[in-house]
Amino acid sequence: MSQTSRNNDNFFERVYQVTRLVPFGRVTTYGAIARYLGATRSARMVGWALNSSSIQEDWVPAHRVVNRKGLLTGKIHFPGSNTMQQLLEAEGIRVEDNAVVDFHKHFWDPNVELVKGSKK
């Protein structure tokens, strides 16, 4: 395995670890995860990681990750055309026109929540 492949695998696993911490009924963004991981310009790579998260042994709640405007841009990677929306709505998050309603109310920022939590 090449060094690049190992680095990507490690990055993908770190993405999965952060995504697993997003609380029920909350959403975060690809960019927020990338910033938390120290890879500010890697929001697309976070998306790539989440696209392949369904093969992980431990469940990754990828449906809780949306774009910076609250749009369900990753919905095409879920089985069925409305699966991502249905999963979010089951957690009490309203979705209209493929966007999270009251996005800022539901937004969970790992850069605030995880850093704050580590200082307890």
N, C-alpha and C. Protein backbone atom coordinates (compact mmCIF):
# COMPACT_ATOMS: atom_id res chain seq x y z
N MET A 1 0.85 -1.17 0.00
CA MET A 1 0.00 0.00 0.00
C MET A 1 0.89 1.23 0.00
N SER A 2 0.55 2.20 -0.85
CA SER A 2 1.36 3.41 -0.93
C SER A 2 1.11 4.31 0.27
N GLN A 3 2.06 5.23 0.50
CA GLN A 3 1.92 6.18 1.61
C GLN A 3 0.67 7.05 1.41
N THR A 4 0.38 7.46 0.17
CA THR A 4 -0.81 8.28 -0.11
C THR A 4 -2.07 7.54 0.25
N SER A 5 -2.13 6.27 -0.11
CA SER A 5 -3.31 5.46 0.21
C SER A 5 -3.49 5.33 1.71
N ARG A 6 -2.39 5.11 2.45
CA ARG A 6 -2.47 5.01 3.91
C ARG A 6 -2.94 6.33 4.51
N ASN A 7 -2.44 7.45 3.99
CA ASN A 7 -2.85 8.76 4.51
C ASN A 7 -4.34 8.99 4.28
N ASN A 8 -4.85 8.61 3.09
CA ASN A 8 -6.27 8.75 2.80
C ASN A 8 -7.10 7.88 3.73
N ASP A 9 -6.65 6.62 3.94
CA ASP A 9 -7.37 5.71 4.83
C ASP A 9 -7.43 6.30 6.22
N ASN A 10 -6.33 6.86 6.70
CA ASN A 10 -6.27 7.47 8.01
C ASN A 10 -7.20 8.68 8.06
N PHE A 11 -7.19 9.51 7.04
CA PHE A 11 -8.07 10.68 7.00
C PHE A 11 -9.53 10.23 7.00
N PHE A 12 -9.86 9.24 6.18
CA PHE A 12 -11.23 8.74 6.11
C PHE A 12 -11.67 8.24 7.49
N GLU A 13 -10.82 7.51 8.18
CA GLU A 13 -11.17 7.00 9.50
C GLU A 13 -11.39 8.14 10.48
N ARG A 14 -10.59 9.17 10.39
CA ARG A 14 -10.78 10.33 11.27
C ARG A 14 -12.10 11.03 10.95
N VAL A 15 -12.47 11.09 9.68
CA VAL A 15 -13.77 11.65 9.29
C VAL A 15 -14.89 10.82 9.93
N TYR A 16 -14.77 9.50 9.86
CA TYR A 16 -15.80 8.62 10.43
C TYR A 16 -15.90 8.82 11.94
N GLN A 17 -14.76 8.97 12.60
CA GLN A 17 -14.76 9.16 14.06
C GLN A 17 -15.51 10.44 14.45
N VAL A 18 -15.24 11.53 13.74
CA VAL A 18 -15.92 12.79 14.04
C VAL A 18 -17.41 12.68 13.71
N THR A 19 -17.73 12.09 12.58
CA THR A 19 -19.13 11.98 12.16
C THR A 19 -19.93 11.16 13.17
N ARG A 20 -19.32 10.15 13.75
CA ARG A 20 -20.01 9.34 14.76
C ARG A 20 -20.35 10.15 16.02
N LEU A 21 -19.69 11.28 16.21
CA LEU A 21 -19.92 12.12 17.39
C LEU A 21 -21.04 13.14 17.20
N VAL A 22 -21.51 13.32 15.95
CA VAL A 22 -22.58 14.28 15.70
C VAL A 22 -23.83 13.77 16.42
N PRO A 23 -24.38 14.56 17.33
CA PRO A 23 -25.51 14.09 18.12
C PRO A 23 -26.80 13.89 17.30
N PHE A 24 -27.63 13.01 17.79
CA PHE A 24 -28.97 12.78 17.25
C PHE A 24 -29.70 14.12 17.18
N GLY A 25 -30.33 14.40 16.04
CA GLY A 25 -31.09 15.64 15.90
C GLY A 25 -30.26 16.86 15.57
N ARG A 26 -29.00 16.66 15.21
CA ARG A 26 -28.11 17.77 14.86
C ARG A 26 -27.46 17.46 13.52
N VAL A 27 -26.92 18.47 12.87
CA VAL A 27 -26.19 18.30 11.61
C VAL A 27 -24.90 19.09 11.67
N THR A 28 -23.96 18.67 10.86
CA THR A 28 -22.72 19.42 10.69
C THR A 28 -22.44 19.52 9.20
N THR A 29 -21.32 20.11 8.85
CA THR A 29 -20.99 20.28 7.44
C THR A 29 -19.68 19.58 7.10
N TYR A 30 -19.51 19.36 5.80
CA TYR A 30 -18.26 18.77 5.31
C TYR A 30 -17.09 19.68 5.70
N GLY A 31 -17.27 20.99 5.53
CA GLY A 31 -16.22 21.94 5.85
C GLY A 31 -15.89 22.00 7.33
N ALA A 32 -16.90 21.90 8.18
CA ALA A 32 -16.66 21.94 9.63
C ALA A 32 -15.83 20.74 10.06
N ILE A 33 -16.13 19.59 9.48
CA ILE A 33 -15.33 18.39 9.80
C ILE A 33 -13.90 18.57 9.29
N ALA A 34 -13.75 19.06 8.06
CA ALA A 34 -12.41 19.28 7.51
C ALA A 34 -11.61 20.25 8.38
N ARG A 35 -12.23 21.35 8.80
CA ARG A 35 -11.54 22.32 9.67
C ARG A 35 -11.13 21.67 10.98
N TYR A 36 -12.03 20.89 11.56
CA TYR A 36 -11.71 20.24 12.83
C TYR A 36 -10.50 19.31 12.69
N LEU A 37 -10.40 18.67 11.53
CA LEU A 37 -9.30 17.73 11.30
C LEU A 37 -8.03 18.43 10.83
N GLY A 38 -8.06 19.76 10.76
CA GLY A 38 -6.87 20.51 10.35
C GLY A 38 -6.63 20.48 8.87
N ALA A 39 -7.67 20.22 8.10
CA ALA A 39 -7.56 20.13 6.64
C ALA A 39 -8.61 21.05 6.01
N THR A 40 -8.49 22.32 6.29
CA THR A 40 -9.51 23.32 5.95
C THR A 40 -10.00 23.22 4.52
N ARG A 41 -9.16 22.94 3.57
CA ARG A 41 -9.54 22.91 2.16
C ARG A 41 -9.96 21.52 1.68
N SER A 42 -10.30 20.65 2.60
CA SER A 42 -10.59 19.26 2.24
C SER A 42 -12.05 18.86 2.43
N ALA A 43 -12.98 19.79 2.30
CA ALA A 43 -14.39 19.46 2.45
C ALA A 43 -14.82 18.38 1.44
N ARG A 44 -14.31 18.47 0.22
CA ARG A 44 -14.65 17.44 -0.78
C ARG A 44 -14.14 16.07 -0.37
N MET A 45 -12.96 16.03 0.22
CA MET A 45 -12.42 14.75 0.65
C MET A 45 -13.26 14.17 1.79
N VAL A 46 -13.80 15.03 2.65
CA VAL A 46 -14.73 14.57 3.69
C VAL A 46 -15.93 13.93 3.02
N GLY A 47 -16.44 14.57 1.98
CA GLY A 47 -17.56 14.00 1.22
C GLY A 47 -17.21 12.65 0.61
N TRP A 48 -16.03 12.53 0.05
CA TRP A 48 -15.60 11.24 -0.52
C TRP A 48 -15.56 10.17 0.55
N ALA A 49 -15.04 10.54 1.71
CA ALA A 49 -14.98 9.57 2.81
C ALA A 49 -16.39 9.11 3.17
N LEU A 50 -17.31 10.06 3.30
CA LEU A 50 -18.67 9.70 3.70
C LEU A 50 -19.40 8.92 2.62
N ASN A 51 -19.04 9.14 1.35
CA ASN A 51 -19.64 8.36 0.26
C ASN A 51 -19.36 6.88 0.42
N SER A 52 -18.22 6.55 1.02
CA SER A 52 -17.87 5.14 1.19
C SER A 52 -18.07 4.65 2.62
N SER A 53 -18.77 5.44 3.43
CA SER A 53 -18.92 5.08 4.85
C SER A 53 -19.85 3.89 5.08
N SER A 54 -20.67 3.57 4.11
CA SER A 54 -21.62 2.46 4.31
C SER A 54 -20.94 1.11 4.44
N ILE A 55 -19.69 1.02 4.03
CA ILE A 55 -18.98 -0.26 4.13
C ILE A 55 -18.26 -0.41 5.48
N GLN A 56 -18.34 0.60 6.33
CA GLN A 56 -17.69 0.54 7.64
C GLN A 56 -18.41 -0.45 8.56
N GLU A 57 -17.64 -1.13 9.36
CA GLU A 57 -18.21 -2.09 10.31
C GLU A 57 -19.10 -1.38 11.33
N ASP A 58 -18.61 -0.27 11.87
CA ASP A 58 -19.39 0.54 12.81
C ASP A 58 -20.14 1.61 12.04
N TRP A 59 -21.41 1.77 12.34
CA TRP A 59 -22.28 2.69 11.62
C TRP A 59 -21.77 4.13 11.68
N VAL A 60 -21.83 4.82 10.55
CA VAL A 60 -21.44 6.22 10.45
C VAL A 60 -22.69 6.99 10.04
N PRO A 61 -23.17 7.92 10.87
CA PRO A 61 -24.39 8.67 10.54
C PRO A 61 -24.14 9.77 9.51
N ALA A 62 -23.77 9.36 8.30
CA ALA A 62 -23.41 10.30 7.24
C ALA A 62 -24.58 11.21 6.86
N HIS A 63 -25.80 10.80 7.16
CA HIS A 63 -26.96 11.63 6.83
C HIS A 63 -26.97 12.94 7.63
N ARG A 64 -26.18 13.02 8.68
CA ARG A 64 -26.11 14.22 9.51
C ARG A 64 -25.11 15.24 8.99
N VAL A 65 -24.51 14.98 7.83
CA VAL A 65 -23.52 15.90 7.26
C VAL A 65 -24.10 16.49 5.97
N VAL A 66 -24.17 17.82 5.95
CA VAL A 66 -24.75 18.55 4.83
C VAL A 66 -23.75 19.60 4.35
N ASN A 67 -24.11 20.33 3.30
CA ASN A 67 -23.18 21.36 2.85
C ASN A 67 -23.32 22.62 3.70
N ARG A 68 -22.50 23.61 3.45
CA ARG A 68 -22.43 24.80 4.31
C ARG A 68 -23.70 25.63 4.34
N LYS A 69 -24.60 25.37 3.39
CA LYS A 69 -25.88 26.08 3.36
C LYS A 69 -27.02 25.22 3.91
N GLY A 70 -26.68 24.02 4.38
CA GLY A 70 -27.70 23.12 4.91
C GLY A 70 -28.37 22.26 3.86
N LEU A 71 -27.82 22.23 2.65
CA LEU A 71 -28.40 21.44 1.57
C LEU A 71 -27.96 19.98 1.67
N LEU A 72 -28.86 19.09 1.31
CA LEU A 72 -28.60 17.66 1.36
C LEU A 72 -27.88 17.21 0.08
N THR A 73 -26.69 17.72 -0.13
CA THR A 73 -25.96 17.44 -1.36
C THR A 73 -25.49 16.00 -1.44
N GLY A 74 -25.39 15.30 -0.32
CA GLY A 74 -24.94 13.91 -0.32
C GLY A 74 -26.06 12.91 -0.52
N LYS A 75 -27.29 13.37 -0.71
CA LYS A 75 -28.43 12.46 -0.76
C LYS A 75 -28.36 11.45 -1.90
N ILE A 76 -27.63 11.77 -2.96
CA ILE A 76 -27.54 10.84 -4.09
C ILE A 76 -26.75 9.58 -3.74
N HIS A 77 -26.03 9.61 -2.64
CA HIS A 77 -25.22 8.46 -2.23
C HIS A 77 -25.95 7.53 -1.26
N PHE A 78 -27.21 7.83 -1.00
CA PHE A 78 -28.03 6.98 -0.14
C PHE A 78 -28.97 6.16 -1.02
N PRO A 79 -29.33 4.96 -0.59
CA PRO A 79 -30.29 4.18 -1.37
C PRO A 79 -31.65 4.88 -1.33
N GLY A 80 -32.30 4.97 -2.47
CA GLY A 80 -33.59 5.66 -2.53
C GLY A 80 -33.38 7.15 -2.62
N SER A 81 -34.30 7.85 -3.23
CA SER A 81 -34.11 9.28 -3.47
C SER A 81 -34.36 10.16 -2.25
N ASN A 82 -35.05 9.64 -1.23
CA ASN A 82 -35.36 10.47 -0.06
C ASN A 82 -34.83 9.90 1.26
N THR A 83 -33.94 8.94 1.20
CA THR A 83 -33.46 8.29 2.41
C THR A 83 -32.80 9.26 3.38
N MET A 84 -31.94 10.13 2.87
CA MET A 84 -31.24 11.07 3.75
C MET A 84 -32.25 11.98 4.44
N GLN A 85 -33.21 12.49 3.70
CA GLN A 85 -34.24 13.35 4.27
C GLN A 85 -35.06 12.59 5.31
N GLN A 86 -35.43 11.36 5.01
CA GLN A 86 -36.23 10.57 5.94
C GLN A 86 -35.47 10.31 7.24
N LEU A 87 -34.18 10.04 7.15
CA LEU A 87 -33.37 9.81 8.35
C LEU A 87 -33.30 11.08 9.21
N LEU A 88 -33.12 12.21 8.57
CA LEU A 88 -33.07 13.47 9.31
C LEU A 88 -34.42 13.78 9.95
N GLU A 89 -35.48 13.58 9.20
CA GLU A 89 -36.81 13.86 9.74
C GLU A 89 -37.16 12.94 10.90
N ALA A 90 -36.64 11.71 10.86
CA ALA A 90 -36.86 10.77 11.97
C ALA A 90 -36.16 11.26 13.24
N GLU A 91 -35.20 12.17 13.09
CA GLU A 91 -34.49 12.75 14.23
C GLU A 91 -35.05 14.12 14.60
N GLY A 92 -36.16 14.49 13.98
CA GLY A 92 -36.81 15.76 14.31
C GLY A 92 -36.31 16.96 13.54
N ILE A 93 -35.56 16.74 12.48
CA ILE A 93 -35.05 17.83 11.66
C ILE A 93 -35.94 17.96 10.42
N ARG A 94 -36.54 19.14 10.26
CA ARG A 94 -37.39 19.37 9.09
C ARG A 94 -36.52 19.69 7.89
N VAL A 95 -36.94 19.14 6.74
CA VAL A 95 -36.24 19.37 5.49
C VAL A 95 -37.27 19.84 4.47
N GLU A 96 -36.97 20.94 3.81
CA GLU A 96 -37.81 21.45 2.73
C GLU A 96 -36.93 21.79 1.55
N ASP A 97 -37.35 21.37 0.36
CA ASP A 97 -36.58 21.64 -0.86
C ASP A 97 -35.12 21.23 -0.72
N ASN A 98 -34.90 20.06 -0.15
CA ASN A 98 -33.56 19.49 0.03
C ASN A 98 -32.65 20.32 0.92
N ALA A 99 -33.23 21.09 1.83
CA ALA A 99 -32.43 21.90 2.75
C ALA A 99 -32.97 21.75 4.17
N VAL A 100 -32.06 21.77 5.13
CA VAL A 100 -32.43 21.70 6.55
C VAL A 100 -33.09 23.02 6.93
N VAL A 101 -34.30 22.94 7.47
CA VAL A 101 -35.01 24.12 7.96
C VAL A 101 -34.39 24.51 9.30
N ASP A 102 -34.19 25.80 9.50
CA ASP A 102 -33.52 26.29 10.72
C ASP A 102 -32.13 25.66 10.87
N PHE A 103 -31.39 25.67 9.79
CA PHE A 103 -30.07 25.04 9.75
C PHE A 103 -29.19 25.48 10.93
N HIS A 104 -29.13 26.77 11.22
CA HIS A 104 -28.24 27.25 12.29
C HIS A 104 -28.67 26.74 13.66
N LYS A 105 -29.94 26.49 13.83
CA LYS A 105 -30.44 25.94 15.10
C LYS A 105 -29.95 24.50 15.30
N HIS A 106 -29.83 23.76 14.22
CA HIS A 106 -29.45 22.34 14.27
C HIS A 106 -27.94 22.11 14.07
N PHE A 107 -27.23 23.17 13.69
CA PHE A 107 -25.82 23.02 13.36
C PHE A 107 -24.98 22.68 14.59
N TRP A 108 -24.16 21.65 14.43
CA TRP A 108 -23.23 21.19 15.46
C TRP A 108 -21.83 21.38 14.91
N ASP A 109 -21.05 22.21 15.56
CA ASP A 109 -19.70 22.52 15.09
C ASP A 109 -18.68 21.77 15.94
N PRO A 110 -17.99 20.79 15.36
CA PRO A 110 -17.01 20.04 16.15
C PRO A 110 -15.89 20.93 16.67
N ASN A 111 -15.62 22.04 15.98
CA ASN A 111 -14.57 22.96 16.42
C ASN A 111 -14.95 23.67 17.71
N VAL A 112 -16.22 23.76 18.01
CA VAL A 112 -16.70 24.35 19.25
C VAL A 112 -17.04 23.26 20.27
N GLU A 113 -17.84 22.32 19.84
CA GLU A 113 -18.36 21.29 20.76
C GLU A 113 -17.29 20.33 21.26
N LEU A 114 -16.42 19.88 20.38
CA LEU A 114 -15.42 18.90 20.81
C LEU A 114 -14.28 19.56 21.57
N VAL A 115 -13.90 20.73 21.17
CA VAL A 115 -12.83 21.45 21.89
C VAL A 115 -13.34 21.88 23.24
N LYS A 116 -14.58 22.40 23.29
CA LYS A 116 -15.19 22.79 24.56
C LYS A 116 -15.30 21.57 25.49
N GLY A 117 -15.73 20.45 24.92
CA GLY A 117 -15.90 19.23 25.71
C GLY A 117 -14.60 18.70 26.27
N SER A 118 -13.48 18.94 25.56
CA SER A 118 -12.19 18.41 26.01
C SER A 118 -11.59 19.24 27.15
N LYS A 119 -12.14 20.45 27.38
CA LYS A 119 -11.60 21.30 28.43
C LYS A 119 -12.29 21.11 29.76
N LYS A 120 -13.20 20.17 29.88
CA LYS A 120 -13.93 19.93 31.13
C LYS A 120 -13.04 19.30 32.17
